[in-house]
Amino acid sequence: MLTSDQKVILRELSLYTTFLAKALSPLAAPTFCELLLGGMLSGEGFVTQALLTIHYENFWNSYHHWVSQGKWRWRNLAHRLILLVSSKVPDGQTIPLILDDLTLERCSDKAPACRIHHQHSKKKNRCTYLLGQCWVFLAIPFHRPSDKVHTAIPVMAFPSPKSGNISKLKIAKAMLKSVRQSLQGRALRLLTDCWFMNHTMMQPALELGYEVIGHIPKNRALYALPVDALPPSPFKRKGRKRKYGVKMTPEEVEKLPETKMTLWLYRKNRTVSFRSCICRARFLKGRIVRVVWSCFENDKGQTETKLFLSTNPDLKADEVLLAYSLRWPIEPMFQQLKHEFGCKHLWQQKLRTLLRWMHIKMAGYALVQLLTICQNPAAIALAKTAWRNPHTVTAGMLRRALFWIIPQFRIRGCWNRYEQKLELKLPDKNERSDSFLEKAA
């Protein structure tokens, strides 16, 4: 017997799954629902492990054949996933998008899109060069109301190919173009780190209508707006007007007024010291931008001063810092996808099959995160744990609760092929057959 909270969660889960299933043909929808819910509950990256967590009805090799040889496109699934996740952002608000890359280690170079990559994080427990797949991810951050923590939901991913002239920058530009086509008419804001903050990446994003906020290196040439030393003259002067003013060297930055403010950054109230100025960025062909030099205090003392750039000069300095802080949730998202959802074990022989299974796993991760964000009261009651804060619910807690509920459903039988929707509900007691009652007796 299902409780009222369980029915609310299952009803919402059915709506999300039905929306994603519209990306496939009606005949493939039941198979997709089984793999989606199995991938959501499974902590491994194998298709067989996903099937073992649910009540599947077909032969196991038919599911492998559908993932590898089925006539469906992963781009359609990514498009539906983008529409589903972005629909939770209220109308009129800017949709933030996080752009970052993740390297999944591999032991064999026979894996698709597997090659040697440089380890930019410089971790001491890893070698300088790694053999693996470098994935470029796009994610949308959300605020989880139960514990005031921001979480990121992936919407699209693509690996850097093994050979050819396609780089991560070209992949990122293609992904941004695809998202813009899916979200026409919505204001979009791109958040990224210093690796993607260059003219090759930012100029196409600006042409697509994105507002870009990111961390830039200290060696970027920034100039203040020009100030004419001479008084204005009624006569026309020869030559063009000055485009650049004084170069913003460390000495010039020290002349700017410093502001101290307490902001909620990275899950804590931090005392932030920053200087801000409207400059012209030389690497953006003289575009007027807002630049913030910032540092804050942590347990080890004061951090190093970092530069943040916003292509919207109307934003204030504290608004730029708060907007960029939304980029951090993608790092916990990488850890959960890699270890908790088994993406480190994704092994497929073809790139197309790998992309299909990756987006199914991402959709399963997105479903659990959306349930913790949108159905917070029912999710708290369902995923309550004795040793945790009673008002806190995470995606892992909710997935653990659903692990004991969803396997009792026949997912293929719950698919209504006449109305083309998923209905996760147990049969009514009055609707049971006589044979079932005889067996129960």
Protein backbone atom coordinates (compact mmCIF):
# COMPACT_ATOMS: atom_id res chain seq x y z
CA MET A 1 0.00 0.00 0.00
CA LEU A 2 1.45 3.35 -1.04
CA THR A 3 1.38 6.38 1.23
CA SER A 4 0.22 9.80 0.09
CA ASP A 5 3.80 11.11 -0.10
CA GLN A 6 4.86 8.15 -2.20
CA LYS A 7 1.98 8.73 -4.58
CA VAL A 8 2.94 12.40 -4.98
CA ILE A 9 6.55 11.52 -5.81
CA LEU A 10 5.57 8.73 -8.20
CA ARG A 11 3.04 10.97 -9.94
CA GLU A 12 5.67 13.65 -10.47
CA LEU A 13 8.21 11.07 -11.60
CA SER A 14 5.70 9.70 -14.11
CA LEU A 15 5.13 13.18 -15.57
CA TYR A 16 8.86 13.78 -16.03
CA THR A 17 9.43 10.36 -17.59
CA THR A 18 6.49 10.79 -19.96
CA PHE A 19 7.84 14.16 -21.09
CA LEU A 20 11.25 12.66 -21.86
CA ALA A 21 9.70 9.66 -23.62
CA LYS A 22 8.19 11.98 -26.22
CA ALA A 23 11.67 12.16 -27.77
CA LEU A 24 11.31 8.56 -28.97
CA SER A 25 8.85 6.58 -31.02
CA PRO A 26 5.78 5.08 -29.26
CA LEU A 27 7.15 1.56 -29.69
CA ALA A 28 10.47 2.43 -28.02
CA ALA A 29 8.97 4.38 -25.10
CA PRO A 30 8.43 1.37 -22.74
CA THR A 31 12.02 0.19 -23.25
CA PHE A 32 13.28 3.69 -22.64
CA CYS A 33 11.29 4.00 -19.40
CA GLU A 34 12.74 0.74 -18.10
CA LEU A 35 16.33 1.79 -18.83
CA LEU A 36 15.76 5.32 -17.53
CA LEU A 37 14.40 4.23 -14.15
CA GLY A 38 16.94 1.41 -13.93
CA GLY A 39 19.79 3.80 -14.65
CA MET A 40 18.39 6.20 -12.06
CA LEU A 41 18.46 3.56 -9.30
CA SER A 42 21.67 1.79 -10.31
CA GLY A 43 24.99 2.94 -8.97
CA GLU A 44 26.91 1.23 -11.76
CA GLY A 45 27.45 2.31 -15.33
CA PHE A 46 26.57 -0.98 -17.01
CA VAL A 47 23.29 -1.60 -18.79
CA THR A 48 22.95 -5.03 -17.18
CA GLN A 49 23.25 -3.56 -13.68
CA ALA A 50 20.52 -1.06 -14.51
CA LEU A 51 18.21 -3.89 -15.56
CA LEU A 52 18.86 -5.85 -12.36
CA THR A 53 17.46 -3.02 -10.22
CA ILE A 54 14.00 -3.14 -11.84
CA HIS A 55 11.44 -5.71 -12.97
CA TYR A 56 12.29 -6.04 -16.67
CA GLU A 57 10.35 -8.32 -19.02
CA ASN A 58 12.33 -8.65 -22.28
CA PHE A 59 15.57 -10.52 -22.83
CA TRP A 60 18.55 -8.58 -21.52
CA ASN A 61 20.35 -8.60 -24.91
CA SER A 62 17.38 -6.82 -26.53
CA TYR A 63 18.04 -3.79 -24.32
CA HIS A 64 21.70 -3.73 -25.34
CA HIS A 65 20.66 -3.98 -28.98
CA TRP A 66 18.19 -1.11 -28.59
CA VAL A 67 20.82 1.17 -27.05
CA SER A 68 23.37 0.40 -29.76
CA GLN A 69 21.25 -0.26 -32.87
CA GLY A 70 17.91 1.36 -32.12
CA LYS A 71 16.57 4.02 -34.50
CA TRP A 72 16.54 7.04 -32.22
CA ARG A 73 18.72 10.10 -31.71
CA TRP A 74 20.36 11.16 -28.49
CA ARG A 75 20.05 14.81 -29.57
CA ASN A 76 16.26 14.56 -29.32
CA LEU A 77 16.57 13.23 -25.79
CA ALA A 78 18.97 16.04 -24.88
CA HIS A 79 16.53 18.57 -26.35
CA ARG A 80 13.67 17.25 -24.19
CA LEU A 81 15.94 17.20 -21.15
CA ILE A 82 16.88 20.86 -21.70
CA LEU A 83 13.22 21.84 -21.98
CA LEU A 84 12.31 19.88 -18.84
CA VAL A 85 15.06 21.28 -16.63
CA SER A 86 14.76 24.87 -17.89
CA SER A 87 10.99 24.82 -17.30
CA LYS A 88 11.69 24.89 -13.55
CA VAL A 89 13.27 28.35 -13.90
CA PRO A 90 10.51 30.97 -13.50
CA ASP A 91 9.56 32.98 -16.56
CA GLY A 92 11.34 36.30 -16.78
CA GLN A 93 14.44 35.10 -14.92
CA THR A 94 17.79 34.51 -16.59
CA ILE A 95 18.67 30.84 -17.02
CA PRO A 96 22.27 30.21 -15.84
CA LEU A 97 24.29 27.61 -17.74
CA ILE A 98 27.53 26.12 -16.41
CA LEU A 99 30.20 25.03 -18.89
CA ASP A 100 32.99 22.74 -17.73
CA ASP A 101 34.85 19.58 -18.69
CA LEU A 102 35.43 16.25 -16.95
CA THR A 103 37.98 13.52 -17.66
CA LEU A 104 36.91 9.91 -17.11
CA GLU A 105 39.91 7.61 -16.78
CA ARG A 106 40.11 4.52 -18.97
CA CYS A 107 42.47 1.54 -18.94
CA SER A 108 42.30 0.79 -22.67
CA ASP A 109 42.69 3.05 -25.67
CA LYS A 110 40.07 0.98 -27.54
CA ALA A 111 37.28 2.93 -25.84
CA PRO A 112 35.62 5.53 -28.10
CA ALA A 113 36.99 9.08 -27.81
CA CYS A 114 39.78 7.86 -25.53
CA ARG A 115 43.19 9.48 -25.71
CA ILE A 116 45.87 11.00 -23.47
CA HIS A 117 44.89 14.29 -21.75
CA HIS A 118 46.81 16.73 -19.62
CA GLN A 119 45.69 16.84 -16.00
CA HIS A 120 45.06 20.56 -15.41
CA SER A 121 43.91 20.19 -11.80
CA LYS A 122 47.46 19.24 -10.77
CA LYS A 123 46.35 16.73 -8.13
CA LYS A 124 49.19 15.03 -6.32
CA ASN A 125 47.59 11.59 -6.38
CA ARG A 126 47.36 11.59 -10.19
CA CYS A 127 49.91 11.61 -12.94
CA THR A 128 50.42 14.59 -15.20
CA TYR A 129 48.94 12.87 -18.25
CA LEU A 130 45.87 10.64 -18.14
CA LEU A 131 44.38 8.14 -20.57
CA GLY A 132 40.66 8.75 -20.69
CA GLN A 133 37.65 10.48 -22.21
CA CYS A 134 37.35 14.25 -21.85
CA TRP A 135 33.67 15.24 -21.67
CA VAL A 136 32.33 18.77 -22.09
CA PHE A 137 29.23 19.31 -19.94
CA LEU A 138 26.47 21.89 -19.82
CA ALA A 139 24.47 22.09 -16.59
CA ILE A 140 21.81 24.33 -15.02
CA PRO A 141 22.17 25.22 -11.30
CA PHE A 142 19.25 25.31 -8.88
CA HIS A 143 18.70 26.27 -5.28
CA ARG A 144 17.63 23.37 -3.06
CA PRO A 145 15.16 24.87 -0.55
CA SER A 146 15.58 22.22 2.15
CA ASP A 147 19.19 23.04 3.11
CA LYS A 148 19.97 26.23 1.09
CA VAL A 149 22.48 24.40 -1.10
CA HIS A 150 22.90 24.91 -4.83
CA THR A 151 22.92 21.85 -7.03
CA ALA A 152 23.61 21.43 -10.76
CA ILE A 153 21.62 19.33 -13.23
CA PRO A 154 23.35 18.20 -16.47
CA VAL A 155 21.50 18.78 -19.73
CA MET A 156 24.04 17.94 -22.46
CA ALA A 157 27.47 16.32 -22.80
CA PHE A 158 29.85 15.41 -25.59
CA PRO A 159 33.36 13.92 -25.52
CA SER A 160 36.41 15.27 -27.24
CA PRO A 161 37.13 12.92 -30.18
CA LYS A 162 40.19 10.70 -30.37
CA SER A 163 41.48 12.28 -33.59
CA GLY A 164 40.63 15.12 -35.89
CA ASN A 165 40.55 18.88 -35.67
CA ILE A 166 37.67 19.17 -33.20
CA SER A 167 38.64 20.74 -29.89
CA LYS A 168 36.73 21.34 -26.67
CA LEU A 169 36.07 24.92 -27.75
CA LYS A 170 34.35 23.80 -30.95
CA ILE A 171 32.29 21.27 -29.02
CA ALA A 172 31.27 23.94 -26.51
CA LYS A 173 30.23 26.33 -29.29
CA ALA A 174 28.08 23.65 -30.93
CA MET A 175 26.43 22.82 -27.61
CA LEU A 176 25.67 26.49 -26.88
CA LYS A 177 24.13 26.85 -30.33
CA SER A 178 21.94 23.80 -29.72
CA VAL A 179 20.76 25.13 -26.35
CA ARG A 180 19.94 28.51 -27.89
CA GLN A 181 17.81 26.80 -30.53
CA SER A 182 15.98 24.88 -27.80
CA LEU A 183 15.45 27.92 -25.56
CA GLN A 184 14.51 30.65 -27.98
CA GLY A 185 13.23 33.81 -26.31
CA ARG A 186 14.81 33.07 -22.90
CA ALA A 187 17.64 35.11 -21.38
CA LEU A 188 20.73 32.88 -20.93
CA ARG A 189 23.82 33.43 -18.79
CA LEU A 190 26.97 31.37 -19.28
CA LEU A 191 29.21 30.64 -16.27
CA THR A 192 32.63 29.15 -16.92
CA ASP A 193 36.21 29.02 -15.68
CA CYS A 194 39.30 30.69 -17.10
CA TRP A 195 40.03 27.90 -19.63
CA PHE A 196 36.99 28.83 -21.73
CA MET A 197 37.27 32.61 -21.19
CA ASN A 198 38.89 33.58 -24.49
CA HIS A 199 37.84 35.28 -27.70
CA THR A 200 37.41 31.99 -29.58
CA MET A 201 34.76 30.86 -27.12
CA MET A 202 33.18 34.11 -25.92
CA GLN A 203 32.59 35.87 -29.22
CA PRO A 204 30.27 33.16 -30.64
CA ALA A 205 28.47 33.02 -27.27
CA LEU A 206 27.90 36.79 -27.35
CA GLU A 207 26.62 36.59 -30.92
CA LEU A 208 24.10 33.95 -29.79
CA GLY A 209 22.82 36.31 -27.10
CA TYR A 210 24.52 34.82 -24.04
CA GLU A 211 25.64 36.91 -21.10
CA VAL A 212 29.04 35.57 -20.05
CA ILE A 213 30.46 35.64 -16.51
CA GLY A 214 33.69 33.88 -15.72
CA HIS A 215 37.08 33.81 -14.09
CA ILE A 216 39.91 35.22 -16.23
CA PRO A 217 43.71 35.00 -15.85
CA LYS A 218 45.68 37.91 -14.48
CA ASN A 219 47.59 38.42 -17.73
CA ARG A 220 44.55 39.66 -19.66
CA ALA A 221 45.01 43.16 -21.06
CA LEU A 222 42.35 45.41 -19.49
CA TYR A 223 42.09 49.15 -20.05
CA ALA A 224 40.05 51.80 -18.32
CA LEU A 225 37.67 53.94 -20.33
CA PRO A 226 39.47 56.93 -21.92
CA VAL A 227 39.22 60.30 -20.19
CA ASP A 228 40.12 63.36 -22.27
CA ALA A 229 42.57 65.57 -20.42
CA LEU A 230 41.72 68.63 -22.52
CA PRO A 231 38.40 70.44 -22.12
CA PRO A 232 35.83 69.83 -24.87
CA SER A 233 36.38 72.03 -27.90
CA PRO A 234 33.68 73.30 -30.27
CA PHE A 235 36.02 72.59 -33.18
CA LYS A 236 36.49 69.14 -34.65
CA ARG A 237 39.82 67.54 -33.84
CA LYS A 238 41.85 65.44 -36.24
CA GLY A 239 42.08 61.69 -35.84
CA ARG A 240 39.75 59.18 -34.26
CA LYS A 241 38.74 59.27 -30.64
CA ARG A 242 40.70 57.31 -28.10
CA LYS A 243 39.44 53.78 -27.57
CA TYR A 244 41.57 52.67 -24.63
CA GLY A 245 42.46 54.51 -21.48
CA VAL A 246 45.00 53.65 -18.80
CA LYS A 247 46.06 50.02 -18.63
CA MET A 248 44.81 48.34 -15.45
CA THR A 249 48.12 47.29 -13.93
CA PRO A 250 48.35 46.18 -10.27
CA GLU A 251 49.36 49.71 -9.35
CA GLU A 252 46.27 51.15 -11.04
CA VAL A 253 44.04 48.55 -9.42
CA GLU A 254 45.29 49.56 -5.97
CA LYS A 255 44.00 53.07 -6.63
CA LEU A 256 40.42 51.80 -6.93
CA PRO A 257 38.25 52.02 -3.80
CA GLU A 258 38.03 48.76 -1.87
CA THR A 259 34.70 47.45 -0.59
CA LYS A 260 34.14 44.83 2.10
CA MET A 261 30.87 42.96 2.24
CA THR A 262 29.50 39.75 3.76
CA LEU A 263 28.05 37.51 1.05
CA TRP A 264 26.66 33.96 0.98
CA LEU A 265 29.29 32.27 -1.16
CA TYR A 266 30.12 28.57 -1.42
CA ARG A 267 27.72 27.48 1.37
CA LYS A 268 29.02 30.01 3.90
CA ASN A 269 28.76 33.67 4.84
CA ARG A 270 32.13 35.07 3.79
CA THR A 271 33.71 38.46 4.21
CA VAL A 272 34.64 39.50 0.69
CA SER A 273 36.98 42.34 -0.28
CA PHE A 274 36.70 43.51 -3.85
CA ARG A 275 37.50 46.32 -6.25
CA SER A 276 35.50 46.89 -9.39
CA CYS A 277 35.80 48.91 -12.55
CA ILE A 278 34.23 49.14 -16.01
CA CYS A 279 36.97 48.38 -18.51
CA ARG A 280 37.60 47.52 -22.11
CA ALA A 281 38.86 43.99 -22.71
CA ARG A 282 41.57 43.82 -25.33
CA PHE A 283 40.98 40.11 -26.07
CA LEU A 284 37.32 40.94 -26.82
CA LYS A 285 38.23 43.64 -29.37
CA GLY A 286 37.67 46.47 -26.91
CA ARG A 287 34.27 45.38 -25.59
CA ILE A 288 33.08 47.22 -22.47
CA VAL A 289 32.86 44.80 -19.54
CA ARG A 290 32.64 44.79 -15.75
CA VAL A 291 35.78 43.47 -14.03
CA VAL A 292 35.96 42.56 -10.33
CA TRP A 293 39.17 41.94 -8.37
CA SER A 294 38.10 39.88 -5.38
CA CYS A 295 39.41 37.86 -2.44
CA PHE A 296 37.74 36.49 0.70
CA GLU A 297 38.69 35.08 4.08
CA ASN A 298 38.54 31.37 4.84
CA ASP A 299 39.93 29.04 7.50
CA LYS A 300 43.47 29.37 6.14
CA GLY A 301 43.38 33.15 5.92
CA GLN A 302 42.89 35.47 2.98
CA THR A 303 42.75 33.88 -0.45
CA GLU A 304 44.58 35.00 -3.56
CA THR A 305 43.06 37.83 -5.54
CA LYS A 306 41.12 36.60 -8.56
CA LEU A 307 39.63 38.39 -11.54
CA PHE A 308 36.02 37.96 -12.61
CA LEU A 309 34.59 39.38 -15.81
CA SER A 310 31.01 40.03 -16.81
CA THR A 311 30.00 41.05 -20.32
CA ASN A 312 27.05 42.92 -18.79
CA PRO A 313 28.55 46.16 -17.39
CA ASP A 314 25.24 47.07 -15.74
CA LEU A 315 25.71 44.39 -13.09
CA LYS A 316 27.15 45.46 -9.75
CA ALA A 317 30.30 43.89 -8.35
CA ASP A 318 28.49 41.87 -5.66
CA GLU A 319 25.98 40.63 -8.26
CA VAL A 320 28.85 39.36 -10.41
CA LEU A 321 30.34 37.45 -7.48
CA LEU A 322 26.99 35.94 -6.51
CA ALA A 323 26.31 34.94 -10.11
CA TYR A 324 29.71 33.28 -10.53
CA SER A 325 29.30 31.36 -7.25
CA LEU A 326 26.60 29.33 -9.02
CA ARG A 327 29.36 27.68 -11.09
CA TRP A 328 30.69 25.72 -8.13
CA PRO A 329 27.84 23.08 -7.92
CA ILE A 330 29.09 21.44 -11.12
CA GLU A 331 32.07 20.00 -9.23
CA PRO A 332 29.89 17.96 -6.78
CA MET A 333 27.77 17.00 -9.81
CA PHE A 334 30.85 15.52 -11.49
CA GLN A 335 31.67 13.53 -8.35
CA GLN A 336 28.14 12.13 -8.11
CA LEU A 337 27.90 11.26 -11.80
CA LYS A 338 31.31 9.63 -11.77
CA HIS A 339 31.12 7.60 -8.56
CA GLU A 340 27.50 7.44 -7.35
CA PHE A 341 25.86 6.94 -10.77
CA GLY A 342 28.65 4.84 -12.29
CA CYS A 343 29.66 7.04 -15.20
CA LYS A 344 33.29 6.03 -14.58
CA HIS A 345 32.26 2.51 -15.71
CA LEU A 346 30.60 3.50 -18.96
CA TRP A 347 32.02 1.16 -21.57
CA GLN A 348 30.56 1.06 -25.05
CA GLN A 349 32.21 0.05 -28.31
CA LYS A 350 30.85 2.93 -30.43
CA LEU A 351 30.67 6.65 -29.82
CA ARG A 352 26.98 6.86 -30.69
CA THR A 353 26.12 4.12 -28.20
CA LEU A 354 28.22 5.83 -25.55
CA LEU A 355 26.42 9.13 -26.10
CA ARG A 356 23.02 7.46 -25.88
CA TRP A 357 23.75 5.67 -22.62
CA MET A 358 25.42 8.72 -21.10
CA HIS A 359 22.36 10.88 -21.75
CA ILE A 360 20.06 8.22 -20.31
CA LYS A 361 22.17 8.18 -17.15
CA MET A 362 22.16 11.99 -17.08
CA ALA A 363 18.37 12.02 -17.45
CA GLY A 364 18.06 9.62 -14.51
CA TYR A 365 20.28 11.87 -12.41
CA ALA A 366 18.21 14.89 -13.45
CA LEU A 367 14.94 13.22 -12.42
CA VAL A 368 16.15 12.62 -8.86
CA GLN A 369 17.48 16.16 -8.56
CA LEU A 370 14.26 17.69 -9.87
CA LEU A 371 12.24 15.72 -7.32
CA THR A 372 14.34 17.10 -4.46
CA ILE A 373 13.96 20.65 -5.77
CA CYS A 374 10.32 20.83 -6.86
CA GLN A 375 8.52 18.37 -4.55
CA ASN A 376 10.37 19.27 -1.40
CA PRO A 377 7.70 18.52 1.30
CA ALA A 378 6.84 15.09 -0.08
CA ALA A 379 10.50 14.29 -0.72
CA ILE A 380 11.43 15.16 2.89
CA ALA A 381 8.74 12.89 4.25
CA LEU A 382 9.71 10.06 1.89
CA ALA A 383 13.51 10.24 2.25
CA LYS A 384 13.67 11.00 5.96
CA THR A 385 16.73 9.51 7.64
CA ALA A 386 17.11 9.21 11.40
CA TRP A 387 20.66 10.55 11.66
CA ARG A 388 20.20 13.44 9.20
CA ASN A 389 18.61 16.84 9.65
CA PRO A 390 14.82 16.27 9.44
CA HIS A 391 14.44 19.22 7.05
CA THR A 392 17.19 18.09 4.65
CA VAL A 393 16.78 15.88 1.60
CA THR A 394 19.38 15.08 -1.02
CA ALA A 395 19.29 13.19 -4.29
CA GLY A 396 21.07 10.23 -2.72
CA MET A 397 18.56 10.00 0.13
CA LEU A 398 15.62 10.12 -2.27
CA ARG A 399 17.16 7.55 -4.61
CA ARG A 400 17.67 5.21 -1.65
CA ALA A 401 13.99 5.58 -0.78
CA LEU A 402 12.88 4.98 -4.37
CA PHE A 403 15.08 1.89 -4.55
CA TRP A 404 12.56 0.03 -2.39
CA ILE A 405 9.46 1.35 -4.19
CA ILE A 406 10.04 1.26 -7.95
CA PRO A 407 11.16 -2.42 -8.27
CA GLN A 408 7.68 -3.57 -7.22
CA PHE A 409 6.20 -2.02 -10.40
CA ARG A 410 6.10 -3.65 -13.81
CA ILE A 411 7.33 -0.57 -15.65
CA ARG A 412 6.47 -1.91 -19.10
CA GLY A 413 2.98 -2.72 -17.86
CA CYS A 414 2.63 0.75 -16.34
CA TRP A 415 3.07 2.36 -19.76
CA ASN A 416 -0.35 3.37 -21.12
CA ARG A 417 0.07 2.81 -24.86
CA TYR A 418 -3.29 4.40 -25.67
CA GLU A 419 -2.61 7.72 -23.93
CA GLN A 420 1.19 7.42 -24.34
CA LYS A 421 2.08 8.13 -20.75
CA LEU A 422 3.61 6.37 -17.75
CA GLU A 423 1.36 5.61 -14.77
CA LEU A 424 3.32 4.34 -11.77
CA LYS A 425 0.54 2.98 -9.61
CA LEU A 426 -0.23 -0.40 -8.15
CA PRO A 427 -3.39 -2.21 -9.27
CA ASP A 428 -6.43 -1.59 -7.11
CA LYS A 429 -7.44 -4.30 -4.70
CA ASN A 430 -10.87 -4.57 -6.30
CA GLU A 431 -9.34 -5.00 -9.78
CA ARG A 432 -7.34 -8.12 -8.92
CA SER A 433 -8.16 -11.26 -10.78
CA ASP A 434 -9.65 -14.35 -9.18
CA SER A 435 -6.52 -16.34 -9.88
CA PHE A 436 -4.46 -13.79 -7.98
CA LEU A 437 -6.86 -13.99 -5.02
CA GLU A 438 -6.68 -17.75 -5.03
CA LYS A 439 -2.89 -17.68 -4.96
CA ALA A 440 -2.95 -15.11 -2.17
CA ALA A 441 -5.32 -17.31 -0.16
